[in-house]
C-alpha atoms as a PDB file:
ATOM      1  CA  MET A   1     124.291  31.734 123.323  1.00  0.00           C
ATOM      2  CA  THR A   2     122.167  29.110 124.932  1.00  0.00           C
ATOM      3  CA  THR A   3     121.308  25.815 123.363  1.00  0.00           C
ATOM      4  CA  THR A   4     117.584  26.549 122.604  1.00  0.00           C
ATOM      5  CA  GLN A   5     118.767  30.020 121.035  1.00  0.00           C
ATOM      6  CA  GLN A   6     121.331  28.271 118.977  1.00  0.00           C
ATOM      7  CA  GLN A   7     118.566  25.618 117.710  1.00  0.00           C
ATOM      8  CA  LEU A   8     116.383  28.601 116.760  1.00  0.00           C
ATOM      9  CA  THR A   9     119.225  30.613 114.827  1.00  0.00           C
ATOM     10  CA  PRO A  10     119.031  29.544 111.186  1.00  0.00           C
ATOM     11  CA  LEU A  11     122.087  28.098 109.392  1.00  0.00           C
ATOM     12  CA  THR A  12     123.150  30.712 107.232  1.00  0.00           C
ATOM     13  CA  LEU A  13     125.410  30.703 104.043  1.00  0.00           C
ATOM     14  CA  THR A  14     128.400  32.812 104.502  1.00  0.00           C
ATOM     15  CA  GLN A  15     130.457  31.908 101.599  1.00  0.00           C
ATOM     16  CA  LEU A  16     130.047  30.060  98.541  1.00  0.00           C
ATOM     17  CA  SER A  17     132.504  28.939  95.778  1.00  0.00           C
ATOM     18  CA  LEU A  18     132.630  27.024  92.558  1.00  0.00           C
ATOM     19  CA  HIS A  19     135.573  25.239  90.978  1.00  0.00           C
ATOM     20  CA  GLN A  20     135.865  23.112  87.806  1.00  0.00           C
ATOM     21  CA  PHE A  21     137.861  19.897  87.534  1.00  0.00           C
ATOM     22  CA  THR A  22     139.068  17.775  84.596  1.00  0.00           C
ATOM     23  CA  ILE A  23     140.533  14.345  85.286  1.00  0.00           C
ATOM     24  CA  ASP A  24     141.930  11.889  82.932  1.00  0.00           C
ATOM     25  CA  LEU A  25     140.733   8.445  82.893  1.00  0.00           C
ATOM     26  CA  ALA A  26     143.384   5.576  83.231  1.00  0.00           C
ATOM     27  CA  LYS A  27     141.136   3.673  81.014  1.00  0.00           C
ATOM     28  CA  SER A  28     138.084   4.532  79.042  1.00  0.00           C
ATOM     29  CA  LEU A  29     134.648   4.217  80.433  1.00  0.00           C
ATOM     30  CA  PRO A  30     131.480   3.044  78.755  1.00  0.00           C
ATOM     31  CA  VAL A  31     128.690   5.738  78.494  1.00  0.00           C
ATOM     32  CA  GLY A  32     125.848   3.576  76.595  1.00  0.00           C
ATOM     33  CA  LYS A  33     127.703   2.396  73.419  1.00  0.00           C
ATOM     34  CA  GLN A  34     130.271   5.396  73.681  1.00  0.00           C
ATOM     35  CA  ARG A  35     133.331   5.665  75.419  1.00  0.00           C
ATOM     36  CA  ILE A  36     134.956   8.621  77.563  1.00  0.00           C
ATOM     37  CA  GLU A  37     138.511   9.065  78.378  1.00  0.00           C
ATOM     38  CA  GLN A  38     138.238  12.149  80.441  1.00  0.00           C
ATOM     39  CA  ARG A  39     135.568  13.454  83.186  1.00  0.00           C
ATOM     40  CA  SER A  40     135.044  17.124  83.952  1.00  0.00           C
ATOM     41  CA  GLY A  41     132.566  18.437  86.467  1.00  0.00           C
ATOM     42  CA  LEU A  42     132.216  21.244  89.072  1.00  0.00           C
ATOM     43  CA  VAL A  43     132.781  21.511  92.879  1.00  0.00           C
ATOM     44  CA  LEU A  44     130.251  23.468  94.862  1.00  0.00           C
ATOM     45  CA  THR A  45     131.673  24.581  98.246  1.00  0.00           C
ATOM     46  CA  GLY A  46     129.693  26.241 101.057  1.00  0.00           C
ATOM     47  CA  ILE A  47     130.354  27.617 104.221  1.00  0.00           C
ATOM     48  CA  ALA A  48     127.545  28.414 106.800  1.00  0.00           C
ATOM     49  CA  ILE A  49     127.421  29.562 110.323  1.00  0.00           C
ATOM     50  CA  GLN A  50     124.700  28.775 113.202  1.00  0.00           C
ATOM     51  CA  GLY A  51     125.553  30.770 116.223  1.00  0.00           C
ATOM     52  CA  ASP A  52     129.280  30.272 117.159  1.00  0.00           C
ATOM     53  CA  ASN A  53     129.621  27.011 115.020  1.00  0.00           C
ATOM     54  CA  GLU A  54     130.893  27.115 111.288  1.00  0.00           C
ATOM     55  CA  TYR A  55     130.306  24.272 108.988  1.00  0.00           C
ATOM     56  CA  GLN A  56     131.968  23.443 105.499  1.00  0.00           C
ATOM     57  CA  ALA A  57     131.088  21.137 102.834  1.00  0.00           C
ATOM     58  CA  SER A  58     131.675  20.424  99.080  1.00  0.00           C
ATOM     59  CA  VAL A  59     129.598  18.646  96.498  1.00  0.00           C
ATOM     60  CA  GLU A  60     130.346  17.348  93.053  1.00  0.00           C
ATOM     61  CA  ILE A  61     128.141  18.556  90.278  1.00  0.00           C
ATOM     62  CA  SER A  62     128.959  16.474  87.201  1.00  0.00           C
ATOM     63  CA  PRO A  63     126.158  16.312  84.288  1.00  0.00           C
ATOM     64  CA  LEU A  64     126.861  13.263  82.151  1.00  0.00           C
ATOM     65  CA  SER A  65     127.146  15.093  78.945  1.00  0.00           C
ATOM     66  CA  GLY A  66     129.916  16.528  76.609  1.00  0.00           C
ATOM     67  CA  VAL A  67     131.902  14.802  73.986  1.00  0.00           C
ATOM     68  CA  ASP A  68     133.191  10.995  73.916  1.00  0.00           C
ATOM     69  CA  SER A  69     136.589   9.733  73.066  1.00  0.00           C
ATOM     70  CA  ALA A  70     135.676  10.161  69.271  1.00  0.00           C
ATOM     71  CA  LYS A  71     134.692  13.629  69.910  1.00  0.00           C
ATOM     72  CA  GLN A  72     130.968  12.877  69.388  1.00  0.00           C
ATOM     73  CA  SER A  73     128.227  14.257  71.640  1.00  0.00           C
ATOM     74  CA  ILE A  74     126.989  12.010  74.536  1.00  0.00           C
ATOM     75  CA  THR A  75     123.519  11.117  74.094  1.00  0.00           C
ATOM     76  CA  GLY A  76     120.856   9.537  76.153  1.00  0.00           C
ATOM     77  CA  PHE A  77     121.937  10.987  79.555  1.00  0.00           C
ATOM     78  CA  SER A  78     122.036  14.433  81.053  1.00  0.00           C
ATOM     79  CA  GLN A  79     119.970  16.878  78.767  1.00  0.00           C
ATOM     80  CA  GLU A  80     121.971  20.050  80.177  1.00  0.00           C
ATOM     81  CA  SER A  81     125.873  20.851  79.440  1.00  0.00           C
ATOM     82  CA  LEU A  82     128.323  21.455  81.940  1.00  0.00           C
ATOM     83  CA  GLU A  83     128.698  25.135  80.449  1.00  0.00           C
ATOM     84  CA  GLN A  84     124.786  25.627  81.165  1.00  0.00           C
ATOM     85  CA  VAL A  85     124.945  24.417  84.796  1.00  0.00           C
ATOM     86  CA  GLN A  86     128.048  26.429  85.335  1.00  0.00           C
ATOM     87  CA  GLN A  87     126.420  29.732  84.144  1.00  0.00           C
ATOM     88  CA  GLN A  88     123.276  28.893  86.358  1.00  0.00           C
ATOM     89  CA  LEU A  89     125.266  28.238  89.528  1.00  0.00           C
ATOM     90  CA  THR A  90     127.327  31.349  88.703  1.00  0.00           C
ATOM     91  CA  ALA A  91     124.187  33.433  88.576  1.00  0.00           C
ATOM     92  CA  ALA A  92     122.679  31.696  91.638  1.00  0.00           C
ATOM     93  CA  LEU A  93     125.466  32.042  94.225  1.00  0.00           C
ATOM     94  CA  PRO A  94     125.052  35.873  94.849  1.00  0.00           C
ATOM     95  CA  LEU A  95     121.493  35.175  95.449  1.00  0.00           C
ATOM     96  CA  LEU A  96     122.030  32.379  97.896  1.00  0.00           C
ATOM     97  CA  LEU A  97     124.585  34.368  99.944  1.00  0.00           C
ATOM     98  CA  GLN A  98     123.704  35.314 103.401  1.00  0.00           C
ATOM     99  CA  GLN A  99     120.363  33.293 103.014  1.00  0.00           C
ATOM    100  CA  PRO A 100     119.270  30.551 105.399  1.00  0.00           C
ATOM    101  CA  ALA A 101     120.742  27.119 104.083  1.00  0.00           C
ATOM    102  CA  ASN A 102     117.131  26.105 103.267  1.00  0.00           C
ATOM    103  CA  ALA A 103     117.256  28.345 100.396  1.00  0.00           C
ATOM    104  CA  LEU A 104     119.498  25.693  98.859  1.00  0.00           C
ATOM    105  CA  LEU A 105     116.256  23.532  98.590  1.00  0.00           C
ATOM    106  CA  ASP A 106     113.921  26.443  97.379  1.00  0.00           C
ATOM    107  CA  TYR A 107     116.223  27.643  94.580  1.00  0.00           C
ATOM    108  CA  SER A 108     114.422  26.863  91.375  1.00  0.00           C
ATOM    109  CA  THR A 109     116.334  25.444  88.641  1.00  0.00           C
ATOM    110  CA  ASN A 110     115.400  23.010  85.408  1.00  0.00           C
ATOM    111  CA  SER A 111     118.757  21.360  85.688  1.00  0.00           C
ATOM    112  CA  PRO A 112     118.889  18.012  87.490  1.00  0.00           C
ATOM    113  CA  SER A 113     122.487  17.956  88.430  1.00  0.00           C
ATOM    114  CA  MET A 114     122.358  21.487  89.811  1.00  0.00           C
ATOM    115  CA  ALA A 115     119.064  20.494  91.907  1.00  0.00           C
ATOM    116  CA  PHE A 116     121.017  17.442  93.131  1.00  0.00           C
ATOM    117  CA  GLY A 117     124.144  19.238  94.152  1.00  0.00           C
ATOM    118  CA  LEU A 118     122.160  21.956  95.798  1.00  0.00           C
ATOM    119  CA  SER A 119     120.220  19.466  97.858  1.00  0.00           C
ATOM    120  CA  LEU A 120     123.197  17.522  98.619  1.00  0.00           C
ATOM    121  CA  LEU A 121     125.011  20.597  99.894  1.00  0.00           C
ATOM    122  CA  HIS A 122     122.107  21.246 102.343  1.00  0.00           C
ATOM    123  CA  ALA A 123     122.078  17.816 103.593  1.00  0.00           C
ATOM    124  CA  LYS A 124     126.005  18.054 104.060  1.00  0.00           C
ATOM    125  CA  LEU A 125     126.162  21.231 106.022  1.00  0.00           C
ATOM    126  CA  ASN A 126     123.037  19.906 108.033  1.00  0.00           C
ATOM    127  CA  GLY A 127     125.009  16.891 108.995  1.00  0.00           C
ATOM    128  CA  LYS A 128     122.366  14.665 107.528  1.00  0.00           C
ATOM    129  CA  LEU A 129     125.043  12.461 105.910  1.00  0.00           C
ATOM    130  CA  ASP A 130     127.253  12.110 108.894  1.00  0.00           C
ATOM    131  CA  GLY A 131     127.269   9.296 111.344  1.00  0.00           C
ATOM    132  CA  HIS A 132     126.857   6.455 108.710  1.00  0.00           C
ATOM    133  CA  VAL A 133     129.104   3.640 108.683  1.00  0.00           C
ATOM    134  CA  LEU A 134     130.304   3.149 105.182  1.00  0.00           C
ATOM    135  CA  ALA A 135     131.059  -0.240 104.393  1.00  0.00           C
ATOM    136  CA  PRO A 136     132.904  -0.859 100.952  1.00  0.00           C
ATOM    137  CA  ARG A 137     129.720  -2.083  99.119  1.00  0.00           C
ATOM    138  CA  SER A 138     129.751  -1.931  95.384  1.00  0.00           C
ATOM    139  CA  VAL A 139     128.805  -4.375  92.541  1.00  0.00           C
ATOM    140  CA  PRO A 140     131.950  -4.836  90.170  1.00  0.00           C
ATOM    141  CA  LEU A 141     131.507  -3.584  86.613  1.00  0.00           C
ATOM    142  CA  ILE A 142     132.717  -5.886  83.740  1.00  0.00           C
ATOM    143  CA  TYR A 143     132.793  -4.706  80.383  1.00  0.00           C
ATOM    144  CA  ARG A 144     134.875  -5.638  77.319  1.00  0.00           C
ATOM    145  CA  ALA A 145     137.170  -2.714  75.995  1.00  0.00           C
ATOM    146  CA  ALA A 146     137.732  -2.091  72.424  1.00  0.00           C
ATOM    147  CA  ASP A 147     139.796  -4.954  70.814  1.00  0.00           C
ATOM    148  CA  GLU A 148     140.319  -6.544  74.189  1.00  0.00           C
ATOM    149  CA  PRO A 149     140.453 -10.275  74.135  1.00  0.00           C
ATOM    150  CA  LEU A 150     137.694 -12.684  76.044  1.00  0.00           C
ATOM    151  CA  SER A 151     141.032 -13.865  78.146  1.00  0.00           C
ATOM    152  CA  ALA A 152     141.432 -10.438  79.698  1.00  0.00           C
ATOM    153  CA  ILE A 153     137.731 -10.582  80.918  1.00  0.00           C
ATOM    154  CA  SER A 154     138.467 -14.194  82.336  1.00  0.00           C
ATOM    155  CA  GLU A 155     141.303 -12.878  84.313  1.00  0.00           C
ATOM    156  CA  ARG A 156     139.388 -10.279  86.067  1.00  0.00           C
ATOM    157  CA  VAL A 157     136.415 -12.594  86.733  1.00  0.00           C
ATOM    158  CA  SER A 158     138.834 -15.002  88.037  1.00  0.00           C
ATOM    159  CA  ALA A 159     140.250 -12.234  90.369  1.00  0.00           C
ATOM    160  CA  LEU A 160     136.999 -11.482  91.917  1.00  0.00           C
ATOM    161  CA  ALA A 161     136.617 -12.072  95.759  1.00  0.00           C
ATOM    162  CA  SER A 162     134.741 -14.982  96.806  1.00  0.00           C
ATOM    163  CA  ASN A 163     132.272 -12.774  98.686  1.00  0.00           C
ATOM    164  CA  VAL A 164     131.202 -11.191  95.706  1.00  0.00           C
ATOM    165  CA  HIS A 165     128.087 -12.525  94.514  1.00  0.00           C
ATOM    166  CA  SER A 166     126.688 -10.104  92.029  1.00  0.00           C
ATOM    167  CA  VAL A 167     128.331  -8.382  88.885  1.00  0.00           C
ATOM    168  CA  LYS A 168     127.206  -5.893  86.283  1.00  0.00           C
ATOM    169  CA  VAL A 169     127.968  -6.695  82.725  1.00  0.00           C
ATOM    170  CA  LYS A 170     127.753  -4.340  79.780  1.00  0.00           C
ATOM    171  CA  VAL A 171     125.861  -5.892  76.961  1.00  0.00           C
ATOM    172  CA  ALA A 172     124.657  -4.651  73.421  1.00  0.00           C
ATOM    173  CA  GLN A 173     128.189  -3.668  72.619  1.00  0.00           C
ATOM    174  CA  ASP A 174     129.517  -6.460  70.491  1.00  0.00           C
ATOM    175  CA  SER A 175     127.947  -9.156  68.250  1.00  0.00           C
ATOM    176  CA  LEU A 176     125.223 -11.206  69.962  1.00  0.00           C
ATOM    177  CA  GLU A 177     127.396 -14.239  69.498  1.00  0.00           C
ATOM    178  CA  ASP A 178     130.486 -12.557  71.262  1.00  0.00           C
ATOM    179  CA  GLU A 179     128.116 -11.340  74.125  1.00  0.00           C
ATOM    180  CA  ILE A 180     126.454 -14.753  74.434  1.00  0.00           C
ATOM    181  CA  LYS A 181     129.865 -16.255  74.609  1.00  0.00           C
ATOM    182  CA  LEU A 182     130.988 -13.564  77.116  1.00  0.00           C
ATOM    183  CA  ILE A 183     128.182 -14.348  79.804  1.00  0.00           C
ATOM    184  CA  HIS A 184     128.537 -17.904  79.639  1.00  0.00           C
ATOM    185  CA  GLN A 185     132.343 -17.579  80.063  1.00  0.00           C
ATOM    186  CA  ILE A 186     131.821 -15.543  83.035  1.00  0.00           C
ATOM    187  CA  LEU A 187     129.483 -18.247  84.562  1.00  0.00           C
ATOM    188  CA  ALA A 188     131.829 -20.925  83.614  1.00  0.00           C
ATOM    189  CA  ILE A 189     134.223 -19.346  86.138  1.00  0.00           C
ATOM    190  CA  ARG A 190     131.983 -18.254  88.807  1.00  0.00           C
ATOM    191  CA  PRO A 191     128.812 -20.160  88.299  1.00  0.00           C
ATOM    192  CA  ASP A 192     127.591 -18.731  91.715  1.00  0.00           C
ATOM    193  CA  LEU A 193     127.426 -15.316  90.145  1.00  0.00           C
ATOM    194  CA  LYS A 194     124.135 -13.335  89.721  1.00  0.00           C
ATOM    195  CA  LEU A 195     124.632 -11.058  86.896  1.00  0.00           C
ATOM    196  CA  ARG A 196     123.008  -7.601  86.232  1.00  0.00           C
ATOM    197  CA  LEU A 197     123.088  -6.960  82.497  1.00  0.00           C
ATOM    198  CA  ASP A 198     122.935  -3.350  81.186  1.00  0.00           C
ATOM    199  CA  ALA A 199     121.815  -2.868  77.531  1.00  0.00           C
ATOM    200  CA  ASN A 200     121.421   0.663  77.512  1.00  0.00           C
ATOM    201  CA  ARG A 201     118.563   0.251  74.886  1.00  0.00           C
ATOM    202  CA  GLY A 202     121.017  -1.327  72.548  1.00  0.00           C
ATOM    203  CA  PHE A 203     118.697  -4.219  71.379  1.00  0.00           C
ATOM    204  CA  SER A 204     115.811  -4.389  68.992  1.00  0.00           C
ATOM    205  CA  LEU A 205     112.967  -6.480  70.658  1.00  0.00           C
ATOM    206  CA  GLU A 206     113.988  -9.439  68.472  1.00  0.00           C
ATOM    207  CA  GLN A 207     117.555  -9.267  69.258  1.00  0.00           C
ATOM    208  CA  ALA A 208     116.798  -8.785  72.972  1.00  0.00           C
ATOM    209  CA  ILE A 209     114.689 -12.119  72.854  1.00  0.00           C
ATOM    210  CA  GLU A 210     117.397 -13.868  70.802  1.00  0.00           C
ATOM    211  CA  PHE A 211     120.060 -12.901  73.318  1.00  0.00           C
ATOM    212  CA  ALA A 212     117.981 -13.762  76.385  1.00  0.00           C
ATOM    213  CA  ALA A 213     116.962 -17.015  75.014  1.00  0.00           C
ATOM    214  CA  CYS A 214     120.723 -18.280  74.954  1.00  0.00           C
ATOM    215  CA  LEU A 215     121.309 -17.298  78.678  1.00  0.00           C
ATOM    216  CA  PRO A 216     120.537 -19.160  82.082  1.00  0.00           C
ATOM    217  CA  ILE A 217     117.810 -16.904  83.374  1.00  0.00           C
ATOM    218  CA  ALA A 218     118.441 -18.160  86.858  1.00  0.00           C
ATOM    219  CA  ASN A 219     121.625 -16.469  86.895  1.00  0.00           C
ATOM    220  CA  ILE A 220     120.116 -13.156  85.596  1.00  0.00           C
ATOM    221  CA  GLU A 221     119.069 -10.614  88.406  1.00  0.00           C
ATOM    222  CA  TYR A 222     117.676  -8.295  85.512  1.00  0.00           C
ATOM    223  CA  ILE A 223     118.559  -6.670  82.268  1.00  0.00           C
ATOM    224  CA  GLU A 224     118.456  -2.799  82.177  1.00  0.00           C
ATOM    225  CA  GLU A 225     116.536  -1.190  79.514  1.00  0.00           C
ATOM    226  CA  PRO A 226     116.775  -4.204  76.922  1.00  0.00           C
ATOM    227  CA  CYS A 227     115.035  -2.666  74.166  1.00  0.00           C
ATOM    228  CA  GLN A 228     115.679   0.331  71.847  1.00  0.00           C
ATOM    229  CA  ASN A 229     111.777   1.131  72.260  1.00  0.00           C
ATOM    230  CA  PRO A 230     111.208   0.992  75.959  1.00  0.00           C
ATOM    231  CA  ASP A 231     107.580   0.268  75.065  1.00  0.00           C
ATOM    232  CA  ASP A 232     108.784  -3.186  73.864  1.00  0.00           C
ATOM    233  CA  ASN A 233     109.992  -4.235  77.385  1.00  0.00           C
ATOM    234  CA  GLN A 234     106.834  -5.961  78.424  1.00  0.00           C
ATOM    235  CA  ALA A 235     106.627  -7.805  75.096  1.00  0.00           C
ATOM    236  CA  PHE A 236     110.194  -8.812  75.980  1.00  0.00           C
ATOM    237  CA  TYR A 237     109.391 -10.062  79.287  1.00  0.00           C
ATOM    238  CA  GLN A 238     106.282 -12.256  77.915  1.00  0.00           C
ATOM    239  CA  ALA A 239     108.436 -13.747  75.399  1.00  0.00           C
ATOM    240  CA  ILE A 240     111.287 -14.825  77.632  1.00  0.00           C
ATOM    241  CA  GLU A 241     110.209 -13.926  81.323  1.00  0.00           C
ATOM    242  CA  MET A 242     113.742 -12.377  82.050  1.00  0.00           C
ATOM    243  CA  PRO A 243     113.203  -9.458  84.747  1.00  0.00           C
ATOM    244  CA  TRP A 244     114.014  -6.098  83.366  1.00  0.00           C
ATOM    245  CA  ALA A 245     114.960  -2.903  84.991  1.00  0.00           C
ATOM    246  CA  LEU A 246     114.669   0.897  83.888  1.00  0.00           C
ATOM    247  CA  ASP A 247     117.508   3.094  83.844  1.00  0.00           C
ATOM    248  CA  GLU A 248     117.661   5.721  81.063  1.00  0.00           C
ATOM    249  CA  SER A 249     113.791   6.028  81.160  1.00  0.00           C
ATOM    250  CA  LEU A 250     114.031   7.729  84.338  1.00  0.00           C
ATOM    251  CA  ASN A 251     116.082  10.691  83.024  1.00  0.00           C
ATOM    252  CA  SER A 252     113.013  11.981  81.084  1.00  0.00           C
ATOM    253  CA  SER A 253     111.736  15.097  82.829  1.00  0.00           C
ATOM    254  CA  ASP A 254     108.086  13.803  82.508  1.00  0.00           C
ATOM    255  CA  TYR A 255     108.992  10.396  83.930  1.00  0.00           C
ATOM    256  CA  GLN A 256     106.433   9.170  86.428  1.00  0.00           C
ATOM    257  CA  PHE A 257     106.549   5.732  88.112  1.00  0.00           C
ATOM    258  CA  GLU A 258     104.167   3.245  86.661  1.00  0.00           C
ATOM    259  CA  MET A 259     104.055  -0.489  87.627  1.00  0.00           C
ATOM    260  CA  GLN A 260     104.724  -2.680  84.275  1.00  0.00           C
ATOM    261  CA  THR A 261     104.854  -6.449  83.605  1.00  0.00           C
ATOM    262  CA  GLY A 262     108.341  -7.756  84.455  1.00  0.00           C
ATOM    263  CA  LEU A 263     109.644  -4.470  86.025  1.00  0.00           C
ATOM    264  CA  THR A 264     111.748  -5.513  89.057  1.00  0.00           C
ATOM    265  CA  ALA A 265     114.442  -2.622  89.506  1.00  0.00           C
ATOM    266  CA  LEU A 266     114.948   0.992  88.972  1.00  0.00           C
ATOM    267  CA  ILE A 267     118.622   2.138  88.505  1.00  0.00           C
ATOM    268  CA  ILE A 268     118.683   5.592  89.698  1.00  0.00           C
ATOM    269  CA  LYS A 269     121.280   8.093  88.826  1.00  0.00           C
ATOM    270  CA  PRO A 270     120.749  11.008  91.119  1.00  0.00           C
ATOM    271  CA  MET A 271     122.780  13.490  89.254  1.00  0.00           C
ATOM    272  CA  LEU A 272     120.552  13.087  86.179  1.00  0.00           C
ATOM    273  CA  LEU A 273     117.226  12.731  88.328  1.00  0.00           C
ATOM    274  CA  GLY A 274     117.479  15.914  90.587  1.00  0.00           C
ATOM    275  CA  SER A 275     116.980  16.710  94.191  1.00  0.00           C
ATOM    276  CA  ILE A 276     117.241  14.447  97.005  1.00  0.00           C
ATOM    277  CA  GLU A 277     113.548  14.909  97.835  1.00  0.00           C
ATOM    278  CA  LYS A 278     112.619  13.602  94.190  1.00  0.00           C
ATOM    279  CA  LEU A 279     114.887  10.607  94.519  1.00  0.00           C
ATOM    280  CA  GLN A 280     113.280   9.884  98.011  1.00  0.00           C
ATOM    281  CA  GLN A 281     109.766  10.180  96.324  1.00  0.00           C
ATOM    282  CA  LEU A 282     110.617   7.934  93.554  1.00  0.00           C
ATOM    283  CA  VAL A 283     111.999   5.214  95.721  1.00  0.00           C
ATOM    284  CA  GLU A 284     108.966   5.230  97.934  1.00  0.00           C
ATOM    285  CA  ALA A 285     106.582   5.027  94.945  1.00  0.00           C
ATOM    286  CA  ALA A 286     108.687   2.084  93.552  1.00  0.00           C
ATOM    287  CA  THR A 287     109.052   0.283  97.021  1.00  0.00           C
ATOM    288  CA  GLU A 288     105.349   0.272  97.248  1.00  0.00           C
ATOM    289  CA  HIS A 289     105.006  -1.900  94.409  1.00  0.00           C
ATOM    290  CA  GLY A 290     107.978  -4.183  95.253  1.00  0.00           C
ATOM    291  CA  VAL A 291     110.144  -2.585  92.640  1.00  0.00           C
ATOM    292  CA  ARG A 292     113.947  -2.587  93.861  1.00  0.00           C
ATOM    293  CA  CYS A 293     115.865   0.785  93.760  1.00  0.00           C
ATOM    294  CA  ILE A 294     119.367   0.782  93.193  1.00  0.00           C
ATOM    295  CA  LEU A 295     121.496   4.041  93.186  1.00  0.00           C
ATOM    296  CA  SER A 296     124.081   4.139  90.417  1.00  0.00           C
ATOM    297  CA  SER A 297     126.733   6.426  89.600  1.00  0.00           C
ATOM    298  CA  SER A 298     126.984   8.862  86.665  1.00  0.00           C
ATOM    299  CA  LEU A 299     130.674   8.341  86.508  1.00  0.00           C
ATOM    300  CA  GLU A 300     131.315  10.861  89.182  1.00  0.00           C
ATOM    301  CA  ALA A 301     134.808  11.330  90.634  1.00  0.00           C
ATOM    302  CA  SER A 302     135.517  10.353  94.335  1.00  0.00           C
ATOM    303  CA  LEU A 303     133.856  13.231  95.815  1.00  0.00           C
ATOM    304  CA  GLY A 304     130.556  12.244  94.086  1.00  0.00           C
ATOM    305  CA  ILE A 305     131.144   8.474  94.526  1.00  0.00           C
ATOM    306  CA  GLU A 306     131.335   8.922  98.483  1.00  0.00           C
ATOM    307  CA  ALA A 307     128.186  11.094  98.684  1.00  0.00           C
ATOM    308  CA  LEU A 308     126.329   8.309  96.658  1.00  0.00           C
ATOM    309  CA  SER A 309     127.623   5.753  99.037  1.00  0.00           C
ATOM    310  CA  ARG A 310     126.271   7.546 101.766  1.00  0.00           C
ATOM    311  CA  LEU A 311     123.084   8.409 100.113  1.00  0.00           C
ATOM    312  CA  ALA A 312     122.622   4.732  99.441  1.00  0.00           C
ATOM    313  CA  THR A 313     123.325   3.516 103.055  1.00  0.00           C
ATOM    314  CA  ILE A 314     120.443   6.090 103.924  1.00  0.00           C
ATOM    315  CA  ILE A 315     117.884   5.715 101.355  1.00  0.00           C
ATOM    316  CA  THR A 316     118.282   2.103  99.979  1.00  0.00           C
ATOM    317  CA  PRO A 317     120.072   0.415 102.799  1.00  0.00           C
ATOM    318  CA  ASP A 318     119.270  -3.124 101.560  1.00  0.00           C
ATOM    319  CA  GLU A 319     120.662  -2.689  98.062  1.00  0.00           C
ATOM    320  CA  ILE A 320     124.222  -2.402  96.861  1.00  0.00           C
ATOM    321  CA  PRO A 321     124.787   0.684  94.866  1.00  0.00           C
ATOM    322  CA  GLY A 322     126.358   0.659  91.298  1.00  0.00           C
ATOM    323  CA  ILE A 323     129.440   2.763  92.131  1.00  0.00           C
ATOM    324  CA  ASP A 324     132.312   0.462  90.671  1.00  0.00           C
ATOM    325  CA  THR A 325     133.679   3.061  88.333  1.00  0.00           C
ATOM    326  CA  LEU A 326     136.579   4.793  90.343  1.00  0.00           C
ATOM    327  CA  SER A 327     139.329   2.406  89.243  1.00  0.00           C
ATOM    328  CA  ALA A 328     139.177   3.920  85.796  1.00  0.00           C
ATOM    329  CA  PHE A 329     140.027   7.421  87.235  1.00  0.00           C
ATOM    330  CA  SER A 330     143.620   8.622  87.319  1.00  0.00           C
ATOM    331  CA  GLN A 331     143.145  10.916  90.250  1.00  0.00           C
ATOM    332  CA  ASP A 332     140.958  11.271  93.274  1.00  0.00           C
ATOM    333  CA  LEU A 333     138.704  14.577  93.986  1.00  0.00           C
ATOM    334  CA  LEU A 334     138.820  16.011  97.549  1.00  0.00           C
ATOM    335  CA  VAL A 335     138.221  12.599  98.921  1.00  0.00           C
ATOM    336  CA  SER A 336     140.774  10.000  98.759  1.00  0.00           C
ATOM    337  CA  SER A 337     139.969   6.389  97.442  1.00  0.00           C
ATOM    338  CA  GLY A 338     143.554   5.534  97.577  1.00  0.00           C
ATOM    339  CA  LYS A 339     145.082   6.875  94.604  1.00  0.00           C
ATOM    340  CA  SER A 340     148.495   8.487  94.465  1.00  0.00           C
ATOM    341  CA  VAL A 341     147.044  11.974  93.862  1.00  0.00           C
ATOM    342  CA  CYS A 342     143.944  13.339  95.612  1.00  0.00           C
ATOM    343  CA  LEU A 343     143.166  16.980  94.010  1.00  0.00           C
ATOM    344  CA  GLN A 344     142.219  19.646  96.499  1.00  0.00           C
ATOM    345  CA  LEU A 345     140.225  22.777  95.830  1.00  0.00           C
ATOM    346  CA  ASP A 346     143.667  24.877  95.400  1.00  0.00           C
ATOM    347  CA  ASP A 347     144.479  22.239  92.511  1.00  0.00           C
ATOM    348  CA  LEU A 348     141.146  23.241  90.576  1.00  0.00           C
ATOM    349  CA  SER A 349     140.216  26.151  88.436  1.00  0.00           C
ATOM    350  CA  LEU A 350     138.265  28.663  90.394  1.00  0.00           C
ATOM    351  CA  ILE A 351     135.197  29.798  88.557  1.00  0.00           C
ATOM    352  CA  CYS A 352     133.717  32.159  91.175  1.00  0.00           C
ATOM    353  CA  SER A 353     133.549  32.843  94.889  1.00  0.00           C
ATOM    354  CA  VAL A 354     131.311  35.036  96.982  1.00  0.00           C
ATOM    355  CA  GLN A 355     131.502  36.001 100.574  1.00  0.00           C
END
């Protein structure tokens, strides 16, 4: 087959499989004001042929839902459950088999995590994520575990490398007094740091203003979702002039970008947003208004984090993504981040396979 003939031959899906994984966390991770101690998700693997060439790729599909460490339902993130996504994918795979790879983009689903996973598999099979140098870029995440003394936070801040200039700090978790003390303690150790605060809609407007008024605004890059009612964010900015960012608001199915006073960044979780095309459209709309776009994890395992890192290099090359969550995982998934155990497909539970 000539090169021209090969180029005209569509990339065809010849095998698709779906596995499920569950990984215990070495330490709990915050999901808003909740905590999780285990992460479950799906791995979709596809094999495609084009002429004499065969390509294989795997993607992680992990909606941020389920239950927290207290067995309460996780709220404010993915609207679909893992079981719902698994059922949709199980029904979809036989329909996609022997179809051109572009069918992955055309398949209709109301599940953002499934739409993202299908578009990501398409991109991987077509080599669109290849050839990009992966520098170890992430913004360290700092949060206070339950009953953890402030001294433990101090030790982590003191251990930060000198070339780290930004950190993300979870707030609206404890009392205002303790959190104000936490911020000042971090800056006392590293006054050069710029802080990305994440409130997860944890403050009333009055609390947000009181909290921000006690902080050195020059050290704050922005605060994510400062107010319980997002409509109060502009009033917060008018009162205190602290830049703010949107995060949870982007998860709404009817969200459309609209420039607002004080809005400086969008914290985009692709697993909660949808397809790569939708991601690119949102980034383009925000960038036109000078709003920064920062890709962020939905607490994926290493397979998903590597994909986010590659996407960030391509789509938001000037921004460091928010993907500093792997240290909490006890095991890696298909892609090694250096942990002693890296799960492979044979270690996972097979849901279905079509060929």
